[in-house]
Protein backbone atom coordinates (compact mmCIF):
# COMPACT_ATOMS: atom_id res chain seq x y z
CA MET A 1 -6.73 16.39 -1.66
CA SER A 2 -4.35 14.01 -3.42
CA GLY A 3 -3.41 10.45 -2.78
CA TYR A 4 -5.23 7.19 -2.43
CA ARG A 5 -8.56 8.97 -2.31
CA ASP A 6 -7.87 10.22 -5.86
CA LEU A 7 -7.11 6.67 -7.01
CA ILE A 8 -10.27 5.31 -5.40
CA GLU A 9 -12.40 8.03 -7.00
CA LEU A 10 -10.80 7.32 -10.38
CA ILE A 11 -11.74 3.66 -9.96
CA ALA A 12 -15.29 4.68 -9.00
CA LYS A 13 -15.74 6.75 -12.14
CA ARG A 14 -14.34 4.01 -14.37
CA GLN A 15 -16.46 1.32 -12.71
CA MET A 16 -19.63 3.35 -13.16
CA GLY A 17 -18.98 3.03 -16.90
CA ILE A 18 -18.11 -0.66 -16.69
CA LEU A 19 -20.47 -2.05 -14.04
CA GLY A 20 -23.09 0.70 -13.89
CA LYS A 21 -23.83 3.13 -11.10
CA ARG A 22 -25.90 0.77 -8.94
CA ASN A 23 -23.38 -2.09 -9.02
CA THR A 24 -20.49 0.31 -8.41
CA THR A 25 -22.21 1.85 -5.39
CA GLU A 26 -22.98 -1.63 -4.08
CA ILE A 27 -19.43 -2.94 -4.46
CA PHE A 28 -17.96 0.18 -2.85
CA SER A 29 -20.38 -0.26 0.05
CA GLU A 30 -19.27 -3.90 0.43
CA ALA A 31 -15.67 -2.63 0.59
CA GLY A 32 -16.61 -0.14 3.33
CA LEU A 33 -16.58 2.97 1.14
CA ALA A 34 -19.55 5.29 0.63
CA LEU A 35 -19.96 7.05 -2.73
CA ASP A 36 -22.01 10.12 -3.55
CA SER A 37 -23.90 10.42 -6.84
CA ALA A 38 -20.87 11.98 -8.57
CA GLY A 39 -18.54 9.09 -7.70
CA LYS A 40 -16.76 10.92 -4.89
CA ILE A 41 -15.98 8.94 -1.75
CA GLU A 42 -17.21 10.27 1.55
CA ASN A 43 -14.27 8.87 3.57
CA ASP A 44 -11.65 11.62 3.85
CA SER A 45 -9.04 9.30 5.32
CA ALA A 46 -9.11 6.58 2.63
CA GLY A 47 -5.68 5.04 2.17
CA TYR A 48 -3.82 2.02 0.83
CA GLU A 49 -5.83 -0.46 2.93
CA GLU A 50 -9.14 0.82 1.56
CA LEU A 51 -7.78 0.68 -2.00
CA GLU A 52 -6.57 -2.87 -1.49
CA THR A 53 -9.90 -3.96 0.06
CA LEU A 54 -11.78 -2.40 -2.85
CA THR A 55 -9.66 -4.15 -5.49
CA ILE A 56 -10.00 -7.52 -3.76
CA THR A 57 -13.78 -7.06 -3.43
CA LEU A 58 -14.09 -6.05 -7.10
CA HIS A 59 -12.01 -9.02 -8.24
CA GLU A 60 -13.84 -11.54 -6.07
CA LYS A 61 -17.29 -10.39 -7.21
CA TYR A 62 -16.70 -9.54 -10.89
CA GLY A 63 -13.39 -11.17 -11.87
CA PRO A 64 -10.49 -9.45 -13.65
CA VAL A 65 -12.49 -7.27 -16.09
CA PRO A 66 -13.21 -4.34 -13.73
CA ILE A 67 -9.56 -4.21 -12.67
CA MET A 68 -8.37 -4.39 -16.29
CA GLY A 69 -10.80 -1.59 -17.18
CA CYS A 70 -9.06 0.89 -14.92
CA LYS A 71 -5.54 -0.54 -14.58
CA ILE A 72 -3.72 1.86 -16.93
CA PRO A 73 -5.23 5.15 -15.70
CA VAL A 74 -4.85 4.07 -12.06
CA ALA A 75 -1.22 3.01 -12.62
CA ARG A 76 -0.45 6.33 -14.32
CA LYS A 77 -2.04 8.34 -11.51
CA ALA A 78 -0.25 6.26 -8.85
CA LYS A 79 3.08 6.82 -10.60
CA GLU A 80 2.38 10.56 -10.80
CA LEU A 81 1.54 10.67 -7.08
CA LYS A 82 4.33 8.20 -6.17
CA LEU A 83 1.91 5.78 -4.52
CA LYS A 84 2.17 2.03 -4.04
CA LEU A 85 -0.51 -0.08 -5.74
CA PRO A 86 -2.13 -3.30 -4.47
CA PRO A 87 -0.91 -6.56 -6.08
CA LEU A 88 -3.92 -6.88 -8.42
CA PHE A 89 -2.80 -3.69 -10.20
CA VAL A 90 0.81 -4.75 -10.64
């Protein structure tokens, strides 16, 4: 499956390296997204709204560093998939 779910999973994998697995799982949970141990989201219908909620939650809790840590790969993937990104990524 392609789309926003791919972007969210890319963010999950990057954040596990930046924030650690526990903090990443916690922040995703706060944003209403459940992650498995491999960084895959369990919500099959994740879309733009979930991506935007996640980025806002990340930024509010940890500041700009987590967003900066995944901005380029997420922007590249979004361009490849022709998807709109939330304002914090632009």
